[in-house]
Amino acid sequence: MSETTSILQNESVREAASLLRDASDVTDLSGILRFAKAMAEAREDKDSVEILTAELEGYETHNVEIPDRRRAIGFASSFPVRAIGHLDPEEIFLANRDKFAQVSLTMGQAVTELIAAIQSLDDTGVIELRVPASEISGDAAYIDPNSEIHIYILPNEILKIIHSTERFLLSNLVKTCIEESLAESDQE
C-alpha cells in the first residue's frame, strides 16, 4: 500500500471525510478545516496541525503565534458613536477618519466565531468591541485606564480574515495533495 493510500485510509481522515460528505453544506469551513487537520495529523505535519487547530478553536487557547493575515483595522473612540444604525458605517468612519483613532487588531478567535459575528450583524452593520483603555496603547495613554474604548470594525475587515483563512486552507490541502502525489510517484 502506498503512503498516499495509507493517509487516505487513516481512520481520522476517513471520519472527517465522512462527516464532510454527509454535511448539509460540503463547503462548511469548519468541516474542511477538520478534514485538513486530520490529513496533517496523518502525515505528521505538526506545524500545520497547530495552525489548523488554532483556526478551529481560536489562537487564544493555543500557544500559536497569530499570523499577520489575521489583522483587522478598526476605529477607536472613547465614546459610543450614536450615528451607527442611522448612517452607513463606512460613511461614518471613512469620511471622518480624523475623528477616530485607527487601530490594528489581531483577531485570534476561531474562524467560526468570526463567521458567526458577520452573520449576526444587527442593523448597525458594524462590529463593536468594548475594550478597557488599559489594554490600548498610543492615544489611550491620556485616557483614564478604567474607562472603556469603543472599537468599531467594518464587516469587510472580518471578511478579509475569513477569506485569508480559506486561501490558507486551500493552499494547505493542495500542498498535501501535491506532496503525496509526488511521494507516490517517487516510490514507483
N, C-alpha and C. Protein backbone atom coordinates (compact mmCIF):
# COMPACT_ATOMS: atom_id res chain seq x y z
N MET A 1 0.85 -1.16 0.00
CA MET A 1 0.00 0.00 0.00
C MET A 1 0.90 1.24 0.00
N SER A 2 0.61 2.21 -0.84
CA SER A 2 1.44 3.40 -0.92
C SER A 2 1.17 4.32 0.27
N GLU A 3 2.09 5.27 0.49
CA GLU A 3 1.94 6.21 1.60
C GLU A 3 0.67 7.04 1.44
N THR A 4 0.37 7.47 0.22
CA THR A 4 -0.83 8.27 -0.03
C THR A 4 -2.07 7.49 0.35
N THR A 5 -2.13 6.26 -0.08
CA THR A 5 -3.29 5.44 0.23
C THR A 5 -3.41 5.26 1.73
N SER A 6 -2.28 5.07 2.42
CA SER A 6 -2.36 4.89 3.87
C SER A 6 -2.86 6.16 4.55
N ILE A 7 -2.49 7.33 4.06
CA ILE A 7 -3.00 8.57 4.64
C ILE A 7 -4.50 8.68 4.39
N LEU A 8 -4.93 8.36 3.19
CA LEU A 8 -6.36 8.43 2.89
C LEU A 8 -7.15 7.36 3.63
N GLN A 9 -6.50 6.30 4.02
CA GLN A 9 -7.15 5.24 4.76
C GLN A 9 -7.08 5.45 6.27
N ASN A 10 -6.35 6.47 6.69
CA ASN A 10 -6.24 6.80 8.10
C ASN A 10 -7.64 7.01 8.68
N GLU A 11 -7.89 6.43 9.85
CA GLU A 11 -9.23 6.46 10.44
C GLU A 11 -9.74 7.88 10.66
N SER A 12 -8.90 8.78 11.20
CA SER A 12 -9.38 10.14 11.47
C SER A 12 -9.63 10.90 10.16
N VAL A 13 -8.85 10.62 9.11
CA VAL A 13 -9.08 11.24 7.81
C VAL A 13 -10.41 10.74 7.23
N ARG A 14 -10.63 9.46 7.32
CA ARG A 14 -11.88 8.88 6.80
C ARG A 14 -13.09 9.41 7.58
N GLU A 15 -12.95 9.54 8.89
CA GLU A 15 -14.05 10.05 9.70
C GLU A 15 -14.36 11.51 9.34
N ALA A 16 -13.32 12.34 9.19
CA ALA A 16 -13.52 13.74 8.82
C ALA A 16 -14.12 13.84 7.42
N ALA A 17 -13.66 12.98 6.51
CA ALA A 17 -14.20 12.98 5.14
C ALA A 17 -15.67 12.56 5.14
N SER A 18 -16.00 11.57 5.95
CA SER A 18 -17.38 11.10 6.03
C SER A 18 -18.30 12.18 6.59
N LEU A 19 -17.85 12.87 7.64
CA LEU A 19 -18.65 13.96 8.22
C LEU A 19 -18.85 15.08 7.21
N LEU A 20 -17.80 15.37 6.46
CA LEU A 20 -17.89 16.44 5.45
C LEU A 20 -18.84 16.04 4.33
N ARG A 21 -18.73 14.79 3.88
CA ARG A 21 -19.60 14.30 2.82
C ARG A 21 -21.07 14.32 3.23
N ASP A 22 -21.34 13.96 4.49
CA ASP A 22 -22.71 13.88 4.98
C ASP A 22 -23.27 15.22 5.46
N ALA A 23 -22.44 16.25 5.49
CA ALA A 23 -22.90 17.57 5.96
C ALA A 23 -23.88 18.17 4.96
N SER A 24 -24.77 19.01 5.46
CA SER A 24 -25.72 19.66 4.56
C SER A 24 -25.02 20.64 3.63
N ASP A 25 -23.86 21.13 4.05
CA ASP A 25 -23.08 22.06 3.23
C ASP A 25 -21.64 21.57 3.19
N VAL A 26 -21.25 20.96 2.08
CA VAL A 26 -19.91 20.40 1.95
C VAL A 26 -18.84 21.49 1.94
N THR A 27 -19.25 22.74 1.75
CA THR A 27 -18.28 23.84 1.77
C THR A 27 -18.15 24.47 3.16
N ASP A 28 -18.73 23.82 4.18
CA ASP A 28 -18.63 24.30 5.56
C ASP A 28 -17.16 24.41 5.95
N LEU A 29 -16.74 25.63 6.30
CA LEU A 29 -15.33 25.88 6.57
C LEU A 29 -14.80 25.07 7.74
N SER A 30 -15.58 24.91 8.80
CA SER A 30 -15.09 24.14 9.94
C SER A 30 -14.92 22.66 9.58
N GLY A 31 -15.80 22.13 8.76
CA GLY A 31 -15.65 20.73 8.32
C GLY A 31 -14.42 20.55 7.45
N ILE A 32 -14.16 21.49 6.58
CA ILE A 32 -12.96 21.41 5.73
C ILE A 32 -11.70 21.57 6.59
N LEU A 33 -11.76 22.46 7.58
CA LEU A 33 -10.62 22.61 8.49
C LEU A 33 -10.34 21.30 9.24
N ARG A 34 -11.41 20.63 9.70
CA ARG A 34 -11.22 19.35 10.40
C ARG A 34 -10.63 18.29 9.48
N PHE A 35 -11.06 18.29 8.23
CA PHE A 35 -10.52 17.35 7.25
C PHE A 35 -9.04 17.63 7.00
N ALA A 36 -8.70 18.90 6.79
CA ALA A 36 -7.30 19.28 6.55
C ALA A 36 -6.44 18.96 7.77
N LYS A 37 -6.99 19.18 8.97
CA LYS A 37 -6.25 18.86 10.19
C LYS A 37 -6.00 17.35 10.30
N ALA A 38 -7.01 16.55 9.98
CA ALA A 38 -6.84 15.10 10.01
C ALA A 38 -5.77 14.66 9.00
N MET A 39 -5.77 15.27 7.83
CA MET A 39 -4.74 14.96 6.82
C MET A 39 -3.35 15.34 7.34
N ALA A 40 -3.24 16.50 7.97
CA ALA A 40 -1.96 16.95 8.52
C ALA A 40 -1.49 16.01 9.64
N GLU A 41 -2.43 15.58 10.48
CA GLU A 41 -2.08 14.64 11.55
C GLU A 41 -1.60 13.32 10.97
N ALA A 42 -2.27 12.86 9.92
CA ALA A 42 -1.91 11.58 9.31
C ALA A 42 -0.52 11.62 8.70
N ARG A 43 -0.12 12.77 8.18
CA ARG A 43 1.23 12.87 7.60
C ARG A 43 2.24 13.45 8.58
N GLU A 44 1.79 13.62 9.84
CA GLU A 44 2.63 14.08 10.94
C GLU A 44 3.25 15.45 10.69
N ASP A 45 2.47 16.35 10.13
CA ASP A 45 2.89 17.73 9.88
C ASP A 45 2.44 18.57 11.08
N LYS A 46 3.29 18.63 12.10
CA LYS A 46 2.93 19.28 13.36
C LYS A 46 2.64 20.76 13.21
N ASP A 47 3.37 21.46 12.34
CA ASP A 47 3.15 22.90 12.15
C ASP A 47 1.74 23.16 11.61
N SER A 48 1.35 22.39 10.60
CA SER A 48 0.02 22.56 10.03
C SER A 48 -1.06 22.19 11.03
N VAL A 49 -0.84 21.13 11.79
CA VAL A 49 -1.82 20.71 12.81
C VAL A 49 -2.03 21.84 13.81
N GLU A 50 -0.94 22.47 14.27
CA GLU A 50 -1.06 23.57 15.24
C GLU A 50 -1.89 24.72 14.69
N ILE A 51 -1.58 25.13 13.46
CA ILE A 51 -2.29 26.27 12.87
C ILE A 51 -3.74 25.93 12.59
N LEU A 52 -4.00 24.75 12.04
CA LEU A 52 -5.37 24.35 11.74
C LEU A 52 -6.20 24.20 13.03
N THR A 53 -5.58 23.71 14.09
CA THR A 53 -6.26 23.61 15.38
C THR A 53 -6.59 25.00 15.91
N ALA A 54 -5.63 25.92 15.79
CA ALA A 54 -5.86 27.30 16.25
C ALA A 54 -6.97 27.97 15.43
N GLU A 55 -7.02 27.69 14.13
CA GLU A 55 -8.09 28.24 13.31
C GLU A 55 -9.45 27.71 13.75
N LEU A 56 -9.49 26.44 14.14
CA LEU A 56 -10.74 25.82 14.58
C LEU A 56 -11.16 26.24 15.97
N GLU A 57 -10.21 26.35 16.89
CA GLU A 57 -10.54 26.54 18.30
C GLU A 57 -10.17 27.92 18.83
N GLY A 58 -9.45 28.69 18.07
CA GLY A 58 -9.02 30.02 18.50
C GLY A 58 -7.55 30.02 18.88
N TYR A 59 -6.89 31.05 18.48
CA TYR A 59 -5.46 31.17 18.77
C TYR A 59 -5.21 31.45 20.25
N GLU A 60 -6.19 32.07 20.93
CA GLU A 60 -6.01 32.41 22.34
C GLU A 60 -5.84 31.17 23.20
N THR A 61 -6.47 30.07 22.82
CA THR A 61 -6.43 28.85 23.64
C THR A 61 -5.23 27.97 23.32
N HIS A 62 -4.43 28.37 22.33
CA HIS A 62 -3.26 27.58 21.93
C HIS A 62 -2.04 28.48 21.92
N ASN A 63 -0.91 27.90 22.13
CA ASN A 63 0.33 28.67 22.14
C ASN A 63 0.90 28.75 20.71
N VAL A 64 0.10 29.37 19.84
CA VAL A 64 0.47 29.51 18.43
C VAL A 64 0.46 30.99 18.09
N GLU A 65 1.51 31.46 17.44
CA GLU A 65 1.57 32.86 17.06
C GLU A 65 0.48 33.16 16.03
N ILE A 66 -0.23 34.25 16.25
CA ILE A 66 -1.31 34.64 15.34
C ILE A 66 -0.67 35.24 14.09
N PRO A 67 -1.01 34.69 12.92
CA PRO A 67 -0.38 35.19 11.69
C PRO A 67 -0.86 36.60 11.31
N ASP A 68 -0.04 37.31 10.57
CA ASP A 68 -0.37 38.67 10.13
C ASP A 68 -1.66 38.72 9.32
N ARG A 69 -2.00 37.63 8.66
CA ARG A 69 -3.22 37.63 7.84
C ARG A 69 -4.48 37.78 8.69
N ARG A 70 -4.32 37.73 10.00
CA ARG A 70 -5.46 37.88 10.91
C ARG A 70 -5.52 39.27 11.55
N ARG A 71 -4.94 40.23 10.88
CA ARG A 71 -5.00 41.63 11.35
C ARG A 71 -6.20 42.32 10.73
N ALA A 72 -6.86 43.13 11.53
CA ALA A 72 -8.01 43.92 11.06
C ALA A 72 -7.80 45.37 11.49
N ILE A 73 -8.32 46.26 10.68
CA ILE A 73 -8.28 47.68 11.01
C ILE A 73 -9.62 48.05 11.65
N GLY A 74 -9.54 48.77 12.73
CA GLY A 74 -10.74 49.23 13.41
C GLY A 74 -10.64 50.72 13.70
N PHE A 75 -11.72 51.27 14.16
CA PHE A 75 -11.77 52.69 14.50
C PHE A 75 -12.12 52.79 15.97
N ALA A 76 -11.28 53.48 16.73
CA ALA A 76 -11.45 53.58 18.17
C ALA A 76 -11.97 54.95 18.57
N SER A 77 -12.79 54.92 19.60
CA SER A 77 -13.38 56.14 20.12
C SER A 77 -13.59 55.96 21.62
N SER A 78 -13.39 57.02 22.37
CA SER A 78 -13.63 56.92 23.81
C SER A 78 -15.11 57.09 24.14
N PHE A 79 -15.92 57.31 23.13
CA PHE A 79 -17.36 57.47 23.33
C PHE A 79 -18.11 56.62 22.30
N PRO A 80 -19.33 56.18 22.61
CA PRO A 80 -20.09 55.41 21.62
C PRO A 80 -20.51 56.32 20.47
N VAL A 81 -20.52 55.77 19.28
CA VAL A 81 -20.91 56.53 18.09
C VAL A 81 -22.41 56.35 17.91
N ARG A 82 -23.15 57.39 18.15
CA ARG A 82 -24.61 57.31 18.14
C ARG A 82 -25.20 57.27 16.73
N ALA A 83 -24.44 57.70 15.75
CA ALA A 83 -24.96 57.73 14.37
C ALA A 83 -25.02 56.33 13.76
N ILE A 84 -24.38 55.36 14.41
CA ILE A 84 -24.41 54.00 13.88
C ILE A 84 -25.84 53.49 13.94
N GLY A 85 -26.28 52.91 12.85
CA GLY A 85 -27.66 52.45 12.74
C GLY A 85 -28.52 53.44 11.99
N HIS A 86 -28.04 54.67 11.92
CA HIS A 86 -28.77 55.72 11.19
C HIS A 86 -28.09 56.06 9.87
N LEU A 87 -26.77 55.92 9.85
CA LEU A 87 -25.98 56.21 8.64
C LEU A 87 -25.16 54.97 8.29
N ASP A 88 -24.71 54.91 7.08
CA ASP A 88 -23.85 53.82 6.63
C ASP A 88 -22.54 53.87 7.43
N PRO A 89 -22.14 52.76 8.09
CA PRO A 89 -20.92 52.76 8.90
C PRO A 89 -19.67 53.18 8.12
N GLU A 90 -19.57 52.74 6.88
CA GLU A 90 -18.39 53.13 6.10
C GLU A 90 -18.36 54.64 5.93
N GLU A 91 -19.52 55.22 5.73
CA GLU A 91 -19.61 56.67 5.58
C GLU A 91 -19.16 57.37 6.87
N ILE A 92 -19.58 56.84 7.99
CA ILE A 92 -19.23 57.44 9.28
C ILE A 92 -17.72 57.39 9.50
N PHE A 93 -17.14 56.21 9.35
CA PHE A 93 -15.74 56.03 9.73
C PHE A 93 -14.76 56.48 8.64
N LEU A 94 -15.05 56.16 7.40
CA LEU A 94 -14.11 56.51 6.35
C LEU A 94 -14.15 58.01 6.03
N ALA A 95 -15.31 58.62 6.11
CA ALA A 95 -15.41 60.05 5.82
C ALA A 95 -14.92 60.90 7.00
N ASN A 96 -14.87 60.31 8.17
CA ASN A 96 -14.46 61.06 9.37
C ASN A 96 -13.23 60.45 10.04
N ARG A 97 -12.31 59.98 9.23
CA ARG A 97 -11.11 59.32 9.77
C ARG A 97 -10.37 60.16 10.81
N ASP A 98 -10.39 61.47 10.61
CA ASP A 98 -9.66 62.35 11.53
C ASP A 98 -10.30 62.41 12.92
N LYS A 99 -11.53 61.95 13.06
CA LYS A 99 -12.22 61.99 14.35
C LYS A 99 -12.06 60.70 15.16
N PHE A 100 -11.50 59.68 14.53
CA PHE A 100 -11.34 58.38 15.19
C PHE A 100 -9.88 57.95 15.11
N ALA A 101 -9.44 57.27 16.15
CA ALA A 101 -8.10 56.68 16.10
C ALA A 101 -8.21 55.36 15.34
N GLN A 102 -7.38 55.21 14.33
CA GLN A 102 -7.37 53.95 13.58
C GLN A 102 -6.47 52.98 14.33
N VAL A 103 -6.98 51.78 14.60
CA VAL A 103 -6.23 50.79 15.36
C VAL A 103 -6.12 49.50 14.55
N SER A 104 -5.05 48.78 14.81
CA SER A 104 -4.86 47.48 14.18
C SER A 104 -5.08 46.42 15.25
N LEU A 105 -5.96 45.49 14.94
CA LEU A 105 -6.30 44.43 15.89
C LEU A 105 -5.85 43.09 15.32
N THR A 106 -5.38 42.23 16.18
CA THR A 106 -5.08 40.87 15.79
C THR A 106 -6.24 40.01 16.28
N MET A 107 -6.93 39.39 15.34
CA MET A 107 -8.13 38.63 15.67
C MET A 107 -7.76 37.15 15.86
N GLY A 108 -7.74 36.71 17.11
CA GLY A 108 -7.34 35.35 17.41
C GLY A 108 -8.49 34.38 17.62
N GLN A 109 -9.72 34.84 17.41
CA GLN A 109 -10.87 33.97 17.63
C GLN A 109 -10.90 32.84 16.59
N ALA A 110 -11.62 31.79 16.95
CA ALA A 110 -11.84 30.70 15.99
C ALA A 110 -12.55 31.28 14.77
N VAL A 111 -12.22 30.77 13.59
CA VAL A 111 -12.81 31.31 12.37
C VAL A 111 -14.33 31.18 12.39
N THR A 112 -14.86 30.16 13.05
CA THR A 112 -16.31 30.01 13.14
C THR A 112 -16.93 31.15 13.95
N GLU A 113 -16.22 31.66 14.95
CA GLU A 113 -16.71 32.80 15.72
C GLU A 113 -16.75 34.05 14.85
N LEU A 114 -15.76 34.22 13.98
CA LEU A 114 -15.75 35.37 13.08
C LEU A 114 -16.91 35.28 12.09
N ILE A 115 -17.16 34.09 11.58
CA ILE A 115 -18.28 33.89 10.66
C ILE A 115 -19.60 34.19 11.38
N ALA A 116 -19.73 33.71 12.61
CA ALA A 116 -20.94 33.97 13.39
C ALA A 116 -21.12 35.47 13.64
N ALA A 117 -20.02 36.18 13.87
CA ALA A 117 -20.10 37.63 14.10
C ALA A 117 -20.64 38.33 12.86
N ILE A 118 -20.19 37.91 11.69
CA ILE A 118 -20.67 38.50 10.44
C ILE A 118 -22.16 38.18 10.24
N GLN A 119 -22.53 36.93 10.50
CA GLN A 119 -23.91 36.50 10.29
C GLN A 119 -24.88 37.15 11.28
N SER A 120 -24.39 37.54 12.44
CA SER A 120 -25.29 38.10 13.45
C SER A 120 -25.26 39.63 13.51
N LEU A 121 -24.67 40.25 12.49
CA LEU A 121 -24.67 41.71 12.48
C LEU A 121 -26.09 42.24 12.59
N ASP A 122 -26.25 43.20 13.46
CA ASP A 122 -27.58 43.81 13.57
C ASP A 122 -27.70 44.93 12.53
N ASP A 123 -28.69 45.74 12.68
CA ASP A 123 -28.93 46.79 11.69
C ASP A 123 -27.88 47.90 11.71
N THR A 124 -26.93 47.83 12.66
CA THR A 124 -25.87 48.84 12.66
C THR A 124 -24.85 48.57 11.56
N GLY A 125 -24.69 47.31 11.17
CA GLY A 125 -23.75 46.97 10.10
C GLY A 125 -22.30 47.09 10.49
N VAL A 126 -22.01 47.06 11.78
CA VAL A 126 -20.65 47.19 12.26
C VAL A 126 -20.48 46.32 13.51
N ILE A 127 -19.28 45.84 13.72
CA ILE A 127 -18.98 45.05 14.91
C ILE A 127 -18.36 46.00 15.93
N GLU A 128 -18.95 46.03 17.11
CA GLU A 128 -18.44 46.92 18.16
C GLU A 128 -17.83 46.08 19.27
N LEU A 129 -16.61 46.44 19.64
CA LEU A 129 -15.94 45.83 20.79
C LEU A 129 -15.78 46.90 21.85
N ARG A 130 -15.91 46.52 23.08
CA ARG A 130 -15.63 47.44 24.18
C ARG A 130 -14.43 46.89 24.92
N VAL A 131 -13.39 47.69 24.94
CA VAL A 131 -12.11 47.24 25.48
C VAL A 131 -11.68 48.21 26.58
N PRO A 132 -11.16 47.71 27.70
CA PRO A 132 -10.64 48.62 28.72
C PRO A 132 -9.51 49.47 28.15
N ALA A 133 -9.49 50.73 28.49
CA ALA A 133 -8.46 51.63 27.98
C ALA A 133 -7.07 51.14 28.36
N SER A 134 -6.96 50.42 29.45
CA SER A 134 -5.66 49.92 29.89
C SER A 134 -5.05 48.93 28.90
N GLU A 135 -5.87 48.36 28.02
CA GLU A 135 -5.38 47.39 27.04
C GLU A 135 -4.99 48.04 25.71
N ILE A 136 -5.17 49.33 25.61
CA ILE A 136 -4.89 50.05 24.37
C ILE A 136 -3.62 50.86 24.57
N SER A 137 -2.77 50.86 23.55
CA SER A 137 -1.58 51.70 23.62
C SER A 137 -1.77 52.90 22.70
N GLY A 138 -0.89 53.86 22.80
CA GLY A 138 -0.98 55.03 21.95
C GLY A 138 -1.76 56.13 22.63
N ASP A 139 -2.75 56.71 21.93
CA ASP A 139 -3.51 57.83 22.45
C ASP A 139 -4.27 57.50 23.73
N ALA A 140 -4.51 56.23 23.97
CA ALA A 140 -5.26 55.84 25.17
C ALA A 140 -4.48 56.12 26.44
N ALA A 141 -3.19 56.39 26.29
CA ALA A 141 -2.38 56.71 27.47
C ALA A 141 -2.90 57.95 28.17
N TYR A 142 -3.63 58.80 27.45
CA TYR A 142 -4.16 60.03 28.02
C TYR A 142 -5.60 59.87 28.52
N ILE A 143 -6.10 58.64 28.48
CA ILE A 143 -7.48 58.37 28.90
C ILE A 143 -7.44 57.58 30.20
N ASP A 144 -8.40 57.82 31.05
CA ASP A 144 -8.50 57.09 32.31
C ASP A 144 -8.44 55.58 32.02
N PRO A 145 -7.47 54.87 32.59
CA PRO A 145 -7.33 53.44 32.31
C PRO A 145 -8.53 52.60 32.72
N ASN A 146 -9.41 53.16 33.55
CA ASN A 146 -10.61 52.44 33.98
C ASN A 146 -11.77 52.62 33.02
N SER A 147 -11.62 53.50 32.03
CA SER A 147 -12.72 53.74 31.08
C SER A 147 -12.67 52.71 29.95
N GLU A 148 -13.74 52.70 29.19
CA GLU A 148 -13.84 51.78 28.05
C GLU A 148 -13.56 52.53 26.75
N ILE A 149 -12.92 51.82 25.85
CA ILE A 149 -12.71 52.33 24.49
C ILE A 149 -13.64 51.53 23.58
N HIS A 150 -14.33 52.21 22.71
CA HIS A 150 -15.21 51.55 21.75
C HIS A 150 -14.41 51.37 20.46
N ILE A 151 -14.32 50.13 20.01
CA ILE A 151 -13.63 49.84 18.76
C ILE A 151 -14.65 49.31 17.78
N TYR A 152 -14.70 49.93 16.63
CA TYR A 152 -15.67 49.57 15.60
C TYR A 152 -14.92 48.94 14.43
N ILE A 153 -15.38 47.77 14.03
CA ILE A 153 -14.75 47.04 12.92
C ILE A 153 -15.79 46.87 11.82
N LEU A 154 -15.41 47.30 10.63
CA LEU A 154 -16.31 47.13 9.49
C LEU A 154 -16.30 45.67 9.07
N PRO A 155 -17.44 45.15 8.61
CA PRO A 155 -17.53 43.74 8.23
C PRO A 155 -16.51 43.30 7.19
N ASN A 156 -16.14 44.19 6.27
CA ASN A 156 -15.18 43.78 5.24
C ASN A 156 -13.82 43.42 5.84
N GLU A 157 -13.48 43.97 7.00
CA GLU A 157 -12.22 43.61 7.66
C GLU A 157 -12.28 42.17 8.17
N ILE A 158 -13.41 41.77 8.72
CA ILE A 158 -13.58 40.39 9.20
C ILE A 158 -13.65 39.44 8.01
N LEU A 159 -14.34 39.86 6.96
CA LEU A 159 -14.42 39.03 5.75
C LEU A 159 -13.04 38.79 5.15
N LYS A 160 -12.15 39.79 5.21
CA LYS A 160 -10.78 39.60 4.71
C LYS A 160 -10.07 38.49 5.48
N ILE A 161 -10.29 38.44 6.79
CA ILE A 161 -9.66 37.40 7.61
C ILE A 161 -10.25 36.03 7.26
N ILE A 162 -11.56 35.95 7.10
CA ILE A 162 -12.21 34.69 6.75
C ILE A 162 -11.70 34.21 5.39
N HIS A 163 -11.61 35.12 4.42
CA HIS A 163 -11.12 34.74 3.09
C HIS A 163 -9.65 34.35 3.12
N SER A 164 -8.86 34.99 3.97
CA SER A 164 -7.45 34.60 4.06
C SER A 164 -7.32 33.21 4.68
N THR A 165 -8.23 32.88 5.61
CA THR A 165 -8.24 31.53 6.19
C THR A 165 -8.62 30.51 5.12
N GLU A 166 -9.59 30.85 4.28
CA GLU A 166 -9.98 29.95 3.18
C GLU A 166 -8.80 29.73 2.22
N ARG A 167 -8.08 30.82 1.89
CA ARG A 167 -6.91 30.68 1.00
C ARG A 167 -5.83 29.82 1.64
N PHE A 168 -5.59 30.04 2.95
CA PHE A 168 -4.60 29.24 3.66
C PHE A 168 -5.00 27.77 3.65
N LEU A 169 -6.26 27.51 3.90
CA LEU A 169 -6.77 26.15 3.92
C LEU A 169 -6.63 25.48 2.56
N LEU A 170 -7.02 26.18 1.51
CA LEU A 170 -6.89 25.65 0.15
C LEU A 170 -5.43 25.36 -0.17
N SER A 171 -4.56 26.29 0.18
CA SER A 171 -3.12 26.10 -0.06
C SER A 171 -2.61 24.87 0.68
N ASN A 172 -3.05 24.70 1.94
CA ASN A 172 -2.62 23.55 2.73
C ASN A 172 -3.08 22.24 2.12
N LEU A 173 -4.33 22.18 1.68
CA LEU A 173 -4.86 20.95 1.07
C LEU A 173 -4.19 20.65 -0.27
N VAL A 174 -3.98 21.68 -1.08
CA VAL A 174 -3.31 21.47 -2.37
C VAL A 174 -1.87 21.02 -2.14
N LYS A 175 -1.19 21.64 -1.19
CA LYS A 175 0.19 21.25 -0.86
C LYS A 175 0.24 19.78 -0.45
N THR A 176 -0.70 19.36 0.37
CA THR A 176 -0.77 17.96 0.80
C THR A 176 -0.95 17.03 -0.40
N CYS A 177 -1.87 17.37 -1.28
CA CYS A 177 -2.12 16.54 -2.47
C CYS A 177 -0.88 16.46 -3.35
N ILE A 178 -0.22 17.58 -3.55
CA ILE A 178 0.98 17.60 -4.39
C ILE A 178 2.08 16.76 -3.75
N GLU A 179 2.34 16.98 -2.46
CA GLU A 179 3.40 16.23 -1.78
C GLU A 179 3.13 14.74 -1.80
N GLU A 180 1.88 14.36 -1.54
CA GLU A 180 1.55 12.94 -1.52
C GLU A 180 1.60 12.35 -2.92
N SER A 181 1.17 13.10 -3.92
CA SER A 181 1.23 12.63 -5.31
C SER A 181 2.67 12.42 -5.75
N LEU A 182 3.53 13.37 -5.41
CA LEU A 182 4.94 13.25 -5.79
C LEU A 182 5.63 12.16 -5.00
N ALA A 183 5.26 11.99 -3.73
CA ALA A 183 5.84 10.92 -2.91
C ALA A 183 5.46 9.56 -3.49
N GLU A 184 4.22 9.44 -3.97
CA GLU A 184 3.77 8.18 -4.56
C GLU A 184 4.50 7.90 -5.86
N SER A 185 4.68 8.93 -6.70
CA SER A 185 5.37 8.71 -7.97
C SER A 185 6.85 8.46 -7.76
N ASP A 186 7.45 9.01 -6.71
CA ASP A 186 8.86 8.76 -6.40
C ASP A 186 9.07 7.32 -5.94
N GLN A 187 8.04 6.71 -5.36
CA GLN A 187 8.15 5.33 -4.88
C GLN A 187 8.07 4.32 -6.01
N GLU A 188 7.53 4.74 -7.15
CA GLU A 188 7.35 3.79 -8.26
C GLU A 188 8.63 3.52 -8.99
